[in-house]
Amino acid sequence: MTAAPADPLIAAAVAVRERAYAPYSHFAVGAALRCDDGRVFSGCNVENAAYPEGICAEGGAIAAMVAAGGRRIDEVVVCGTGPAPCAPCGGCRQKLREFGEPDLRVRMVDPVGRVLLVRTLAELLPDSFGPTTLLQTAPVVK
């Protein structure tokens, strides 16, 4: 039996990956995030027969955070299947941007918790469109 990673955020992502429901892609993903008050939320991918309709791990973790009243993400860990880094998909990058700043750290780990790649959200989603973009837009006057 492999010991759980010492970092609680990595441990949460690794553990929840084991609960993923991926009968079609066979690519289990777990994600864990720490919100600004220190709470950790996790999620795993959930596929269904109407593939590719499903829930990504990052979206599941974000939904859990929002349901518990959280609104800001401080850090994210994504645990994929195999030895290559599992970066968030484009949709999840945008979801992360909604609740995190461009300097949000995203760590990608393998199934035993080894860090494979670290990127900021700005590196994963350059020139992002986020909540502050809407606040900077002046109303159109007719």
N, C-alpha and C. Protein backbone atom coordinates (compact mmCIF):
# COMPACT_ATOMS: atom_id res chain seq x y z
N MET A 1 0.84 -1.18 0.00
CA MET A 1 0.00 0.00 0.00
C MET A 1 0.89 1.25 0.00
N THR A 2 0.56 2.20 -0.86
CA THR A 2 1.31 3.44 -0.96
C THR A 2 0.84 4.43 0.09
N ALA A 3 1.78 5.08 0.74
CA ALA A 3 1.44 6.08 1.75
C ALA A 3 0.82 7.29 1.08
N ALA A 4 -0.12 7.94 1.75
CA ALA A 4 -0.75 9.14 1.23
C ALA A 4 0.28 10.27 1.18
N PRO A 5 0.21 11.13 0.17
CA PRO A 5 1.12 12.27 0.10
C PRO A 5 0.99 13.15 1.35
N ALA A 6 2.09 13.77 1.75
CA ALA A 6 2.10 14.60 2.96
C ALA A 6 1.30 15.89 2.77
N ASP A 7 1.28 16.43 1.58
CA ASP A 7 0.54 17.66 1.31
C ASP A 7 -0.96 17.34 1.28
N PRO A 8 -1.76 17.95 2.15
CA PRO A 8 -3.18 17.59 2.21
C PRO A 8 -3.96 17.88 0.92
N LEU A 9 -3.57 18.89 0.18
CA LEU A 9 -4.26 19.20 -1.07
C LEU A 9 -3.97 18.13 -2.12
N ILE A 10 -2.72 17.71 -2.19
CA ILE A 10 -2.36 16.63 -3.11
C ILE A 10 -3.05 15.34 -2.67
N ALA A 11 -3.03 15.06 -1.38
CA ALA A 11 -3.66 13.83 -0.87
C ALA A 11 -5.15 13.80 -1.22
N ALA A 12 -5.82 14.94 -1.12
CA ALA A 12 -7.24 14.99 -1.43
C ALA A 12 -7.49 14.73 -2.92
N ALA A 13 -6.67 15.28 -3.79
CA ALA A 13 -6.83 15.06 -5.23
C ALA A 13 -6.56 13.61 -5.61
N VAL A 14 -5.53 13.02 -5.03
CA VAL A 14 -5.20 11.62 -5.29
C VAL A 14 -6.33 10.71 -4.80
N ALA A 15 -6.83 10.98 -3.61
CA ALA A 15 -7.88 10.12 -3.03
C ALA A 15 -9.18 10.21 -3.81
N VAL A 16 -9.60 11.40 -4.20
CA VAL A 16 -10.88 11.54 -4.90
C VAL A 16 -10.79 10.98 -6.32
N ARG A 17 -9.62 10.97 -6.91
CA ARG A 17 -9.44 10.38 -8.23
C ARG A 17 -9.87 8.91 -8.22
N GLU A 18 -9.65 8.25 -7.12
CA GLU A 18 -10.02 6.83 -7.00
C GLU A 18 -11.53 6.63 -7.06
N ARG A 19 -12.30 7.69 -6.84
CA ARG A 19 -13.76 7.58 -6.86
C ARG A 19 -14.37 8.03 -8.18
N ALA A 20 -13.53 8.43 -9.13
CA ALA A 20 -14.03 8.90 -10.43
C ALA A 20 -14.87 7.83 -11.11
N TYR A 21 -15.83 8.28 -11.90
CA TYR A 21 -16.68 7.38 -12.67
C TYR A 21 -16.35 7.65 -14.13
N ALA A 22 -15.48 6.83 -14.71
CA ALA A 22 -14.99 7.05 -16.07
C ALA A 22 -15.06 5.76 -16.90
N PRO A 23 -16.26 5.17 -17.05
CA PRO A 23 -16.37 3.91 -17.78
C PRO A 23 -16.17 4.04 -19.29
N TYR A 24 -16.20 5.24 -19.83
CA TYR A 24 -16.09 5.43 -21.28
C TYR A 24 -14.68 5.84 -21.69
N SER A 25 -14.12 6.83 -21.02
CA SER A 25 -12.76 7.27 -21.36
C SER A 25 -11.69 6.45 -20.64
N HIS A 26 -12.06 5.85 -19.51
CA HIS A 26 -11.12 5.14 -18.65
C HIS A 26 -10.00 6.08 -18.20
N PHE A 27 -10.30 7.36 -18.08
CA PHE A 27 -9.33 8.37 -17.67
C PHE A 27 -9.87 9.05 -16.42
N ALA A 28 -9.50 8.52 -15.27
CA ALA A 28 -9.96 9.05 -13.99
C ALA A 28 -9.18 10.31 -13.63
N VAL A 29 -9.90 11.31 -13.16
CA VAL A 29 -9.27 12.57 -12.75
C VAL A 29 -9.84 12.98 -11.40
N GLY A 30 -8.97 13.48 -10.55
CA GLY A 30 -9.38 14.06 -9.28
C GLY A 30 -8.84 15.47 -9.18
N ALA A 31 -9.56 16.34 -8.53
CA ALA A 31 -9.09 17.71 -8.32
C ALA A 31 -9.42 18.12 -6.90
N ALA A 32 -8.54 18.90 -6.33
CA ALA A 32 -8.79 19.46 -5.00
C ALA A 32 -8.39 20.93 -5.05
N LEU A 33 -9.15 21.74 -4.36
CA LEU A 33 -8.83 23.17 -4.31
C LEU A 33 -8.90 23.63 -2.87
N ARG A 34 -8.11 24.64 -2.60
CA ARG A 34 -8.14 25.28 -1.29
C ARG A 34 -8.73 26.66 -1.52
N CYS A 35 -9.78 26.99 -0.76
CA CYS A 35 -10.36 28.32 -0.93
C CYS A 35 -9.72 29.28 0.07
N ASP A 36 -10.07 30.53 -0.04
CA ASP A 36 -9.38 31.57 0.71
C ASP A 36 -9.51 31.47 2.22
N ASP A 37 -10.46 30.69 2.72
CA ASP A 37 -10.57 30.51 4.17
C ASP A 37 -9.88 29.23 4.64
N GLY A 38 -9.16 28.55 3.75
CA GLY A 38 -8.40 27.37 4.11
C GLY A 38 -9.11 26.04 3.93
N ARG A 39 -10.41 26.07 3.66
CA ARG A 39 -11.12 24.81 3.45
C ARG A 39 -10.71 24.17 2.14
N VAL A 40 -10.72 22.84 2.12
CA VAL A 40 -10.35 22.07 0.93
C VAL A 40 -11.61 21.39 0.40
N PHE A 41 -11.80 21.48 -0.91
CA PHE A 41 -12.91 20.83 -1.59
C PHE A 41 -12.36 19.99 -2.72
N SER A 42 -12.99 18.86 -2.97
CA SER A 42 -12.49 17.98 -4.03
C SER A 42 -13.63 17.54 -4.92
N GLY A 43 -13.26 17.07 -6.10
CA GLY A 43 -14.22 16.56 -7.07
C GLY A 43 -13.53 15.60 -8.01
N CYS A 44 -14.31 14.74 -8.63
CA CYS A 44 -13.78 13.79 -9.61
C CYS A 44 -14.63 13.85 -10.87
N ASN A 45 -14.07 13.37 -11.97
CA ASN A 45 -14.86 13.36 -13.19
C ASN A 45 -15.95 12.30 -13.11
N VAL A 46 -17.09 12.63 -13.70
CA VAL A 46 -18.24 11.74 -13.71
C VAL A 46 -18.78 11.72 -15.14
N GLU A 47 -18.60 10.60 -15.81
CA GLU A 47 -19.08 10.45 -17.19
C GLU A 47 -20.47 9.84 -17.20
N ASN A 48 -21.09 9.86 -18.37
CA ASN A 48 -22.37 9.17 -18.53
C ASN A 48 -22.50 8.67 -19.96
N ALA A 49 -23.54 7.91 -20.23
CA ALA A 49 -23.72 7.27 -21.53
C ALA A 49 -23.86 8.28 -22.67
N ALA A 50 -24.25 9.48 -22.38
CA ALA A 50 -24.34 10.53 -23.40
C ALA A 50 -22.99 11.22 -23.53
N TYR A 51 -21.95 10.41 -23.53
CA TYR A 51 -20.57 10.89 -23.62
C TYR A 51 -20.42 11.80 -24.83
N PRO A 52 -19.83 12.96 -24.73
CA PRO A 52 -18.95 13.44 -23.68
C PRO A 52 -19.62 14.28 -22.60
N GLU A 53 -20.93 14.29 -22.54
CA GLU A 53 -21.59 15.02 -21.46
C GLU A 53 -21.16 14.42 -20.14
N GLY A 54 -20.74 15.24 -19.24
CA GLY A 54 -20.29 14.76 -17.94
C GLY A 54 -19.79 15.93 -17.12
N ILE A 55 -19.17 15.60 -16.03
CA ILE A 55 -18.65 16.62 -15.11
C ILE A 55 -17.16 16.42 -14.97
N CYS A 56 -16.41 17.49 -15.15
CA CYS A 56 -14.97 17.42 -14.94
C CYS A 56 -14.67 17.50 -13.44
N ALA A 57 -13.52 17.00 -13.05
CA ALA A 57 -13.12 16.99 -11.65
C ALA A 57 -13.05 18.41 -11.08
N GLU A 58 -12.48 19.33 -11.85
CA GLU A 58 -12.34 20.69 -11.37
C GLU A 58 -13.71 21.34 -11.16
N GLY A 59 -14.64 21.10 -12.09
CA GLY A 59 -15.99 21.63 -11.95
C GLY A 59 -16.71 21.08 -10.73
N GLY A 60 -16.48 19.79 -10.46
CA GLY A 60 -17.08 19.18 -9.27
C GLY A 60 -16.55 19.80 -7.99
N ALA A 61 -15.24 20.06 -7.95
CA ALA A 61 -14.64 20.68 -6.76
C ALA A 61 -15.15 22.11 -6.59
N ILE A 62 -15.27 22.83 -7.70
CA ILE A 62 -15.77 24.20 -7.63
C ILE A 62 -17.22 24.21 -7.16
N ALA A 63 -18.04 23.29 -7.67
CA ALA A 63 -19.44 23.22 -7.24
C ALA A 63 -19.54 22.93 -5.75
N ALA A 64 -18.70 22.04 -5.24
CA ALA A 64 -18.71 21.74 -3.81
C ALA A 64 -18.33 22.98 -2.99
N MET A 65 -17.34 23.72 -3.47
CA MET A 65 -16.92 24.94 -2.77
C MET A 65 -18.06 25.96 -2.73
N VAL A 66 -18.68 26.19 -3.89
CA VAL A 66 -19.75 27.18 -3.97
C VAL A 66 -20.93 26.75 -3.10
N ALA A 67 -21.28 25.46 -3.12
CA ALA A 67 -22.38 24.96 -2.31
C ALA A 67 -22.13 25.16 -0.82
N ALA A 68 -20.85 25.17 -0.43
CA ALA A 68 -20.49 25.38 0.98
C ALA A 68 -20.28 26.85 1.32
N GLY A 69 -20.50 27.73 0.34
CA GLY A 69 -20.39 29.17 0.59
C GLY A 69 -19.07 29.79 0.19
N GLY A 70 -18.13 29.01 -0.35
CA GLY A 70 -16.85 29.56 -0.78
C GLY A 70 -16.97 30.32 -2.08
N ARG A 71 -16.08 31.30 -2.27
CA ARG A 71 -16.11 32.10 -3.49
C ARG A 71 -14.74 32.38 -4.08
N ARG A 72 -13.66 32.10 -3.37
CA ARG A 72 -12.31 32.40 -3.88
C ARG A 72 -11.44 31.17 -3.77
N ILE A 73 -10.73 30.86 -4.83
CA ILE A 73 -9.80 29.73 -4.85
C ILE A 73 -8.38 30.26 -4.70
N ASP A 74 -7.61 29.65 -3.79
CA ASP A 74 -6.22 30.03 -3.58
C ASP A 74 -5.23 29.09 -4.27
N GLU A 75 -5.61 27.82 -4.44
CA GLU A 75 -4.69 26.86 -5.05
C GLU A 75 -5.49 25.65 -5.53
N VAL A 76 -4.98 25.00 -6.59
CA VAL A 76 -5.64 23.83 -7.17
C VAL A 76 -4.61 22.73 -7.43
N VAL A 77 -5.03 21.48 -7.22
CA VAL A 77 -4.23 20.32 -7.61
C VAL A 77 -5.12 19.44 -8.48
N VAL A 78 -4.57 18.99 -9.62
CA VAL A 78 -5.28 18.09 -10.53
C VAL A 78 -4.47 16.81 -10.63
N CYS A 79 -5.13 15.68 -10.40
CA CYS A 79 -4.49 14.37 -10.45
C CYS A 79 -5.10 13.57 -11.59
N GLY A 80 -4.28 13.27 -12.59
CA GLY A 80 -4.76 12.51 -13.74
C GLY A 80 -4.31 11.07 -13.70
N THR A 81 -4.56 10.40 -14.81
CA THR A 81 -4.20 9.00 -14.97
C THR A 81 -2.90 8.92 -15.75
N GLY A 82 -1.94 8.21 -15.25
CA GLY A 82 -0.70 7.99 -15.98
C GLY A 82 0.40 8.97 -15.63
N PRO A 83 1.51 8.89 -16.38
CA PRO A 83 2.70 9.66 -16.04
C PRO A 83 2.74 11.08 -16.61
N ALA A 84 1.82 11.44 -17.49
CA ALA A 84 1.83 12.78 -18.08
C ALA A 84 0.97 13.74 -17.26
N PRO A 85 1.36 15.02 -17.21
CA PRO A 85 0.54 15.99 -16.48
C PRO A 85 -0.86 16.08 -17.08
N CYS A 86 -1.85 16.23 -16.24
CA CYS A 86 -3.25 16.37 -16.66
C CYS A 86 -3.65 17.82 -16.39
N ALA A 87 -3.57 18.64 -17.43
CA ALA A 87 -3.94 20.04 -17.29
C ALA A 87 -5.45 20.19 -17.39
N PRO A 88 -6.02 21.18 -16.71
CA PRO A 88 -7.46 21.42 -16.83
C PRO A 88 -7.84 21.70 -18.28
N CYS A 89 -9.02 21.23 -18.69
CA CYS A 89 -9.52 21.52 -20.04
C CYS A 89 -9.83 23.01 -20.15
N GLY A 90 -10.13 23.46 -21.34
CA GLY A 90 -10.42 24.87 -21.56
C GLY A 90 -11.59 25.38 -20.74
N GLY A 91 -12.66 24.59 -20.68
CA GLY A 91 -13.83 25.01 -19.89
C GLY A 91 -13.50 25.13 -18.42
N CYS A 92 -12.71 24.21 -17.91
CA CYS A 92 -12.34 24.25 -16.50
C CYS A 92 -11.38 25.40 -16.21
N ARG A 93 -10.53 25.73 -17.16
CA ARG A 93 -9.66 26.89 -16.98
C ARG A 93 -10.50 28.15 -16.78
N GLN A 94 -11.56 28.27 -17.58
CA GLN A 94 -12.44 29.43 -17.44
C GLN A 94 -13.20 29.39 -16.11
N LYS A 95 -13.63 28.20 -15.69
CA LYS A 95 -14.31 28.08 -14.39
C LYS A 95 -13.36 28.47 -13.25
N LEU A 96 -12.11 28.03 -13.34
CA LEU A 96 -11.13 28.39 -12.32
C LEU A 96 -10.91 29.90 -12.30
N ARG A 97 -10.92 30.52 -13.48
CA ARG A 97 -10.72 31.96 -13.57
C ARG A 97 -11.86 32.73 -12.90
N GLU A 98 -13.05 32.17 -12.94
CA GLU A 98 -14.19 32.84 -12.31
C GLU A 98 -13.97 33.01 -10.81
N PHE A 99 -13.27 32.05 -10.20
CA PHE A 99 -13.11 32.06 -8.75
C PHE A 99 -11.66 32.23 -8.30
N GLY A 100 -10.74 32.41 -9.26
CA GLY A 100 -9.33 32.57 -8.92
C GLY A 100 -8.69 33.66 -9.74
N GLU A 101 -7.63 34.19 -9.23
CA GLU A 101 -6.89 35.25 -9.91
C GLU A 101 -5.92 34.63 -10.92
N PRO A 102 -5.41 35.42 -11.86
CA PRO A 102 -4.46 34.90 -12.84
C PRO A 102 -3.21 34.25 -12.22
N ASP A 103 -2.83 34.68 -11.01
CA ASP A 103 -1.65 34.08 -10.37
C ASP A 103 -1.97 32.80 -9.59
N LEU A 104 -3.21 32.30 -9.70
CA LEU A 104 -3.60 31.05 -9.05
C LEU A 104 -2.65 29.93 -9.47
N ARG A 105 -2.11 29.22 -8.50
CA ARG A 105 -1.19 28.11 -8.78
C ARG A 105 -1.98 26.83 -9.01
N VAL A 106 -1.66 26.16 -10.13
CA VAL A 106 -2.28 24.89 -10.48
C VAL A 106 -1.16 23.85 -10.56
N ARG A 107 -1.23 22.87 -9.65
CA ARG A 107 -0.24 21.78 -9.67
C ARG A 107 -0.88 20.55 -10.28
N MET A 108 -0.16 19.90 -11.17
CA MET A 108 -0.62 18.67 -11.79
C MET A 108 0.24 17.53 -11.27
N VAL A 109 -0.42 16.50 -10.74
CA VAL A 109 0.29 15.40 -10.09
C VAL A 109 -0.11 14.07 -10.72
N ASP A 110 0.75 13.06 -10.51
CA ASP A 110 0.43 11.71 -11.00
C ASP A 110 -0.39 10.97 -9.94
N PRO A 111 -0.82 9.75 -10.23
CA PRO A 111 -1.70 9.03 -9.30
C PRO A 111 -1.10 8.72 -7.92
N VAL A 112 0.20 8.88 -7.74
CA VAL A 112 0.76 8.70 -6.40
C VAL A 112 1.13 10.03 -5.75
N GLY A 113 0.82 11.13 -6.43
CA GLY A 113 1.02 12.44 -5.84
C GLY A 113 2.31 13.14 -6.18
N ARG A 114 3.08 12.61 -7.11
CA ARG A 114 4.30 13.31 -7.53
C ARG A 114 3.93 14.50 -8.40
N VAL A 115 4.49 15.65 -8.08
CA VAL A 115 4.21 16.86 -8.86
C VAL A 115 4.93 16.75 -10.20
N LEU A 116 4.14 16.86 -11.28
CA LEU A 116 4.67 16.74 -12.63
C LEU A 116 4.84 18.09 -13.30
N LEU A 117 3.97 19.03 -12.96
CA LEU A 117 3.99 20.33 -13.62
C LEU A 117 3.28 21.33 -12.73
N VAL A 118 3.79 22.54 -12.69
CA VAL A 118 3.16 23.64 -11.95
C VAL A 118 3.03 24.81 -12.91
N ARG A 119 1.83 25.36 -12.99
CA ARG A 119 1.58 26.52 -13.84
C ARG A 119 0.67 27.48 -13.08
N THR A 120 0.73 28.75 -13.45
CA THR A 120 -0.26 29.69 -12.96
C THR A 120 -1.44 29.63 -13.91
N LEU A 121 -2.57 30.11 -13.46
CA LEU A 121 -3.73 30.16 -14.33
C LEU A 121 -3.45 31.07 -15.53
N ALA A 122 -2.68 32.14 -15.33
CA ALA A 122 -2.33 33.03 -16.44
C ALA A 122 -1.54 32.28 -17.52
N GLU A 123 -0.69 31.34 -17.10
CA GLU A 123 0.05 30.56 -18.09
C GLU A 123 -0.87 29.58 -18.82
N LEU A 124 -1.86 29.05 -18.11
CA LEU A 124 -2.80 28.11 -18.73
C LEU A 124 -3.89 28.82 -19.54
N LEU A 125 -4.21 30.04 -19.16
CA LEU A 125 -5.29 30.79 -19.80
C LEU A 125 -4.85 32.25 -19.95
N PRO A 126 -3.94 32.51 -20.90
CA PRO A 126 -3.42 33.88 -21.06
C PRO A 126 -4.52 34.84 -21.52
N ASP A 127 -4.38 36.08 -21.10
CA ASP A 127 -5.33 37.13 -21.50
C ASP A 127 -6.76 36.73 -21.20
N SER A 128 -6.97 36.20 -20.02
CA SER A 128 -8.27 35.63 -19.66
C SER A 128 -9.37 36.68 -19.51
N PHE A 129 -10.57 36.21 -19.70
CA PHE A 129 -11.78 36.99 -19.47
C PHE A 129 -12.32 36.57 -18.12
N GLY A 130 -12.35 37.49 -17.18
CA GLY A 130 -12.81 37.16 -15.84
C GLY A 130 -13.79 38.19 -15.32
N PRO A 131 -14.21 38.03 -14.08
CA PRO A 131 -15.19 38.94 -13.49
C PRO A 131 -14.76 40.40 -13.55
N THR A 132 -13.48 40.68 -13.37
CA THR A 132 -13.03 42.07 -13.40
C THR A 132 -13.14 42.67 -14.80
N THR A 133 -13.12 41.85 -15.83
CA THR A 133 -13.29 42.35 -17.19
C THR A 133 -14.65 43.04 -17.32
N LEU A 134 -15.68 42.43 -16.76
CA LEU A 134 -17.01 43.02 -16.84
C LEU A 134 -17.11 44.31 -16.05
N LEU A 135 -16.39 44.40 -14.94
CA LEU A 135 -16.42 45.62 -14.13
C LEU A 135 -15.72 46.77 -14.82
N GLN A 136 -14.78 46.46 -15.72
CA GLN A 136 -14.02 47.50 -16.43
C GLN A 136 -14.75 48.00 -17.68
N THR A 137 -15.81 47.34 -18.05
CA THR A 137 -16.53 47.70 -19.27
C THR A 137 -17.54 48.79 -18.96
N ALA A 138 -17.41 49.89 -19.68
CA ALA A 138 -18.35 51.00 -19.49
C ALA A 138 -19.66 50.66 -20.19
N PRO A 139 -20.77 51.08 -19.60
CA PRO A 139 -22.07 50.83 -20.27
C PRO A 139 -22.15 51.58 -21.60
N VAL A 140 -22.83 50.99 -22.53
CA VAL A 140 -23.01 51.60 -23.83
C VAL A 140 -24.11 52.65 -23.72
N VAL A 141 -23.80 53.86 -24.14
CA VAL A 141 -24.76 54.95 -24.10
C VAL A 141 -25.32 55.13 -25.50
N LYS A 142 -26.65 55.17 -25.61
CA LYS A 142 -27.29 55.36 -26.93
C LYS A 142 -27.84 56.74 -27.05
